[in-house]
Amino acid sequence: MLTKTSEYALHALVYLAQNQHEWPVPVHEIAKKTGIPPRYLSKVLRDLTRVGILNSTRGKLGGFEPARPLDEISLLETVSLFEPLEQKRCPFGKPECSDENPCQLHEQWSSLLQERKQLLIASSLKTLVDGAENGKAGQ
């Protein structure tokens, strides 16, 4: 349910978080280790830097690192940068889908979207890293 850009952002952030001893990490290393196309990754990392999720350092020894402690970087903050979290479109393409004029799955779809948003609010980059280290994420 996430866009490819959001997935790439999360993969890059997890890689950075798991490699704290190497900060700052160059974009080409992140791309190689995560399998993300380097040019695309550069744009994603630039966006994450622009909003204060990452810091970047230029030069030969430059690269990227989280701008704040891992538990202060929410998944909601990251994902909402790349995709709208408030679903405006009906999954069936119904132009007048609303609480007053619902489609066949309106209530369930709205509930699912709200659950997704709550999961992103409650989860941080640290949550992802801890899960990956315990074999529960990033597989």
C-alpha atoms as a PDB file:
ATOM      1  CA  MET A   1       0.000   0.000   0.000  1.00  0.00           C
ATOM      2  CA  LEU A   2       3.030   2.274  -0.145  1.00  0.00           C
ATOM      3  CA  THR A   3       4.384   3.943  -3.250  1.00  0.00           C
ATOM      4  CA  LYS A   4       7.757   2.815  -4.549  1.00  0.00           C
ATOM      5  CA  THR A   5       9.226   6.171  -3.491  1.00  0.00           C
ATOM      6  CA  SER A   6       8.050   5.680   0.102  1.00  0.00           C
ATOM      7  CA  GLU A   7       9.472   2.152   0.089  1.00  0.00           C
ATOM      8  CA  TYR A   8      12.813   3.446  -1.190  1.00  0.00           C
ATOM      9  CA  ALA A   9      12.880   6.154   1.480  1.00  0.00           C
ATOM     10  CA  LEU A  10      12.224   3.624   4.237  1.00  0.00           C
ATOM     11  CA  HIS A  11      14.818   1.162   2.878  1.00  0.00           C
ATOM     12  CA  ALA A  12      17.441   3.924   2.722  1.00  0.00           C
ATOM     13  CA  LEU A  13      16.620   5.142   6.222  1.00  0.00           C
ATOM     14  CA  VAL A  14      16.840   1.636   7.668  1.00  0.00           C
ATOM     15  CA  TYR A  15      20.190   1.101   5.950  1.00  0.00           C
ATOM     16  CA  LEU A  16      21.496   4.375   7.378  1.00  0.00           C
ATOM     17  CA  ALA A  17      20.207   3.535  10.843  1.00  0.00           C
ATOM     18  CA  GLN A  18      21.818   0.098  10.770  1.00  0.00           C
ATOM     19  CA  ASN A  19      25.169   1.554   9.711  1.00  0.00           C
ATOM     20  CA  GLN A  20      25.595   4.289  12.304  1.00  0.00           C
ATOM     21  CA  HIS A  21      29.333   3.611  12.634  1.00  0.00           C
ATOM     22  CA  GLU A  22      29.818   4.657   8.984  1.00  0.00           C
ATOM     23  CA  TRP A  23      27.994   8.018   9.048  1.00  0.00           C
ATOM     24  CA  PRO A  24      27.889   9.917   6.812  1.00  0.00           C
ATOM     25  CA  VAL A  25      27.126   7.223   4.216  1.00  0.00           C
ATOM     26  CA  PRO A  26      27.585   8.110   0.520  1.00  0.00           C
ATOM     27  CA  VAL A  27      24.574   7.811  -1.760  1.00  0.00           C
ATOM     28  CA  HIS A  28      26.352   5.310  -4.053  1.00  0.00           C
ATOM     29  CA  GLU A  29      26.882   2.940  -1.104  1.00  0.00           C
ATOM     30  CA  ILE A  30      23.242   3.183  -0.012  1.00  0.00           C
ATOM     31  CA  ALA A  31      22.129   2.563  -3.601  1.00  0.00           C
ATOM     32  CA  LYS A  32      24.412  -0.450  -4.017  1.00  0.00           C
ATOM     33  CA  LYS A  33      23.441  -2.066  -0.708  1.00  0.00           C
ATOM     34  CA  THR A  34      19.685  -1.455  -1.069  1.00  0.00           C
ATOM     35  CA  GLY A  35      19.328  -2.010  -4.815  1.00  0.00           C
ATOM     36  CA  ILE A  36      17.750   1.406  -5.309  1.00  0.00           C
ATOM     37  CA  PRO A  37      18.643   3.192  -8.580  1.00  0.00           C
ATOM     38  CA  PRO A  38      21.258   5.854  -7.627  1.00  0.00           C
ATOM     39  CA  ARG A  39      19.681   8.799  -9.469  1.00  0.00           C
ATOM     40  CA  TYR A  40      16.263   8.071  -7.987  1.00  0.00           C
ATOM     41  CA  LEU A  41      17.758   7.585  -4.546  1.00  0.00           C
ATOM     42  CA  SER A  42      19.570  10.926  -4.772  1.00  0.00           C
ATOM     43  CA  LYS A  43      16.236  12.686  -5.272  1.00  0.00           C
ATOM     44  CA  VAL A  44      14.626  10.815  -2.376  1.00  0.00           C
ATOM     45  CA  LEU A  45      17.529  11.613  -0.041  1.00  0.00           C
ATOM     46  CA  ARG A  46      17.484  15.263  -1.113  1.00  0.00           C
ATOM     47  CA  ASP A  47      13.784  15.454  -0.207  1.00  0.00           C
ATOM     48  CA  LEU A  48      14.432  13.810   3.171  1.00  0.00           C
ATOM     49  CA  THR A  49      17.217  16.322   3.811  1.00  0.00           C
ATOM     50  CA  ARG A  50      15.059  19.273   2.776  1.00  0.00           C
ATOM     51  CA  VAL A  51      12.468  18.474   5.465  1.00  0.00           C
ATOM     52  CA  GLY A  52      14.994  17.792   8.224  1.00  0.00           C
ATOM     53  CA  ILE A  53      14.868  13.993   8.400  1.00  0.00           C
ATOM     54  CA  LEU A  54      18.443  13.656   7.141  1.00  0.00           C
ATOM     55  CA  ASN A  55      21.596  15.736   7.222  1.00  0.00           C
ATOM     56  CA  SER A  56      23.917  15.732   4.257  1.00  0.00           C
ATOM     57  CA  THR A  57      27.621  16.442   4.058  1.00  0.00           C
ATOM     58  CA  ARG A  58      29.294  17.367   0.783  1.00  0.00           C
ATOM     59  CA  GLY A  59      32.722  16.388  -0.399  1.00  0.00           C
ATOM     60  CA  LYS A  60      34.875  13.316  -0.719  1.00  0.00           C
ATOM     61  CA  LEU A  61      33.948  12.047   2.748  1.00  0.00           C
ATOM     62  CA  GLY A  62      30.361  13.274   2.483  1.00  0.00           C
ATOM     63  CA  GLY A  63      27.095  11.439   2.605  1.00  0.00           C
ATOM     64  CA  PHE A  64      23.900  11.191   4.610  1.00  0.00           C
ATOM     65  CA  GLU A  65      22.918  10.529   8.203  1.00  0.00           C
ATOM     66  CA  PRO A  66      19.734  10.940  10.272  1.00  0.00           C
ATOM     67  CA  ALA A  67      19.225  14.508  11.486  1.00  0.00           C
ATOM     68  CA  ARG A  68      17.579  13.434  14.747  1.00  0.00           C
ATOM     69  CA  PRO A  69      17.540  10.415  17.042  1.00  0.00           C
ATOM     70  CA  LEU A  70      15.944   7.394  15.350  1.00  0.00           C
ATOM     71  CA  ASP A  71      13.013   7.292  17.759  1.00  0.00           C
ATOM     72  CA  GLU A  72      12.119  10.880  16.792  1.00  0.00           C
ATOM     73  CA  ILE A  73      11.756  10.133  13.070  1.00  0.00           C
ATOM     74  CA  SER A  74       8.209   8.866  12.567  1.00  0.00           C
ATOM     75  CA  LEU A  75       7.194   6.739   9.629  1.00  0.00           C
ATOM     76  CA  LEU A  76       4.249   9.087   9.141  1.00  0.00           C
ATOM     77  CA  GLU A  77       6.638  12.011   8.652  1.00  0.00           C
ATOM     78  CA  THR A  78       8.620  10.035   6.097  1.00  0.00           C
ATOM     79  CA  VAL A  79       5.784   8.470   4.122  1.00  0.00           C
ATOM     80  CA  SER A  80       3.607  11.600   4.036  1.00  0.00           C
ATOM     81  CA  LEU A  81       6.422  13.369   2.230  1.00  0.00           C
ATOM     82  CA  PHE A  82       5.954  11.086  -0.776  1.00  0.00           C
ATOM     83  CA  GLU A  83       2.270  10.213  -0.825  1.00  0.00           C
ATOM     84  CA  PRO A  84      -1.081  11.551   0.320  1.00  0.00           C
ATOM     85  CA  LEU A  85      -2.367   9.762   3.396  1.00  0.00           C
ATOM     86  CA  GLU A  86      -5.879  11.108   3.154  1.00  0.00           C
ATOM     87  CA  GLN A  87      -7.550   9.035   0.463  1.00  0.00           C
ATOM     88  CA  LYS A  88      -9.763  11.257  -1.654  1.00  0.00           C
ATOM     89  CA  ARG A  89     -10.544   8.745  -4.399  1.00  0.00           C
ATOM     90  CA  CYS A  90     -13.048   5.964  -4.164  1.00  0.00           C
ATOM     91  CA  PRO A  91     -11.440   2.540  -4.780  1.00  0.00           C
ATOM     92  CA  PHE A  92     -14.229   1.907  -7.325  1.00  0.00           C
ATOM     93  CA  GLY A  93     -13.878   5.266  -9.058  1.00  0.00           C
ATOM     94  CA  LYS A  94     -17.240   6.502  -7.810  1.00  0.00           C
ATOM     95  CA  PRO A  95     -17.143  10.327  -8.101  1.00  0.00           C
ATOM     96  CA  GLU A  96     -19.567  10.932  -5.215  1.00  0.00           C
ATOM     97  CA  CYS A  97     -18.209   8.447  -2.649  1.00  0.00           C
ATOM     98  CA  SER A  98     -18.542   9.848   0.885  1.00  0.00           C
ATOM     99  CA  ASP A  99     -19.978   9.004   4.275  1.00  0.00           C
ATOM    100  CA  GLU A 100     -23.321  10.324   3.000  1.00  0.00           C
ATOM    101  CA  ASN A 101     -23.105   8.515  -0.363  1.00  0.00           C
ATOM    102  CA  PRO A 102     -20.813   5.492   0.208  1.00  0.00           C
ATOM    103  CA  CYS A 103     -19.647   2.871  -2.249  1.00  0.00           C
ATOM    104  CA  GLN A 104     -19.849  -0.850  -1.463  1.00  0.00           C
ATOM    105  CA  LEU A 105     -16.593  -0.842   0.539  1.00  0.00           C
ATOM    106  CA  HIS A 106     -16.515   2.731   1.826  1.00  0.00           C
ATOM    107  CA  GLU A 107     -16.672   1.902   5.534  1.00  0.00           C
ATOM    108  CA  GLN A 108     -14.094  -0.912   5.341  1.00  0.00           C
ATOM    109  CA  TRP A 109     -11.791   1.096   3.048  1.00  0.00           C
ATOM    110  CA  SER A 110     -11.933   4.136   5.330  1.00  0.00           C
ATOM    111  CA  SER A 111     -11.204   1.936   8.337  1.00  0.00           C
ATOM    112  CA  LEU A 112      -8.222   0.338   6.599  1.00  0.00           C
ATOM    113  CA  LEU A 113      -6.782   3.743   5.672  1.00  0.00           C
ATOM    114  CA  GLN A 114      -7.214   4.979   9.248  1.00  0.00           C
ATOM    115  CA  GLU A 115      -5.441   1.868  10.598  1.00  0.00           C
ATOM    116  CA  ARG A 116      -2.552   2.464   8.180  1.00  0.00           C
ATOM    117  CA  LYS A 117      -2.238   6.062   9.333  1.00  0.00           C
ATOM    118  CA  GLN A 118      -2.280   5.040  13.014  1.00  0.00           C
ATOM    119  CA  LEU A 119       0.450   2.447  12.379  1.00  0.00           C
ATOM    120  CA  LEU A 120       2.630   5.101  10.729  1.00  0.00           C
ATOM    121  CA  ILE A 121       2.017   7.533  13.596  1.00  0.00           C
ATOM    122  CA  ALA A 122       2.914   4.929  16.224  1.00  0.00           C
ATOM    123  CA  SER A 123       6.061   3.697  14.441  1.00  0.00           C
ATOM    124  CA  SER A 124       9.471   5.337  14.254  1.00  0.00           C
ATOM    125  CA  LEU A 125      12.640   4.607  12.348  1.00  0.00           C
ATOM    126  CA  LYS A 126      13.885   2.936  15.521  1.00  0.00           C
ATOM    127  CA  THR A 127      10.848   0.616  15.409  1.00  0.00           C
ATOM    128  CA  LEU A 128      11.847  -0.475  11.895  1.00  0.00           C
ATOM    129  CA  VAL A 129      15.488  -0.986  12.799  1.00  0.00           C
ATOM    130  CA  ASP A 130      14.662  -2.953  15.941  1.00  0.00           C
ATOM    131  CA  GLY A 131      12.271  -5.119  13.912  1.00  0.00           C
ATOM    132  CA  ALA A 132      14.866  -5.692  11.187  1.00  0.00           C
ATOM    133  CA  GLU A 133      17.485  -6.682  13.752  1.00  0.00           C
ATOM    134  CA  ASN A 134      15.040  -9.154  15.257  1.00  0.00           C
ATOM    135  CA  GLY A 135      14.193 -10.610  11.839  1.00  0.00           C
ATOM    136  CA  LYS A 136      10.726  -9.049  11.680  1.00  0.00           C
ATOM    137  CA  ALA A 137      11.263  -6.307   9.082  1.00  0.00           C
ATOM    138  CA  GLY A 138      13.185  -5.637   5.906  1.00  0.00           C
ATOM    139  CA  GLN A 139      12.766  -9.172   4.576  1.00  0.00           C
END
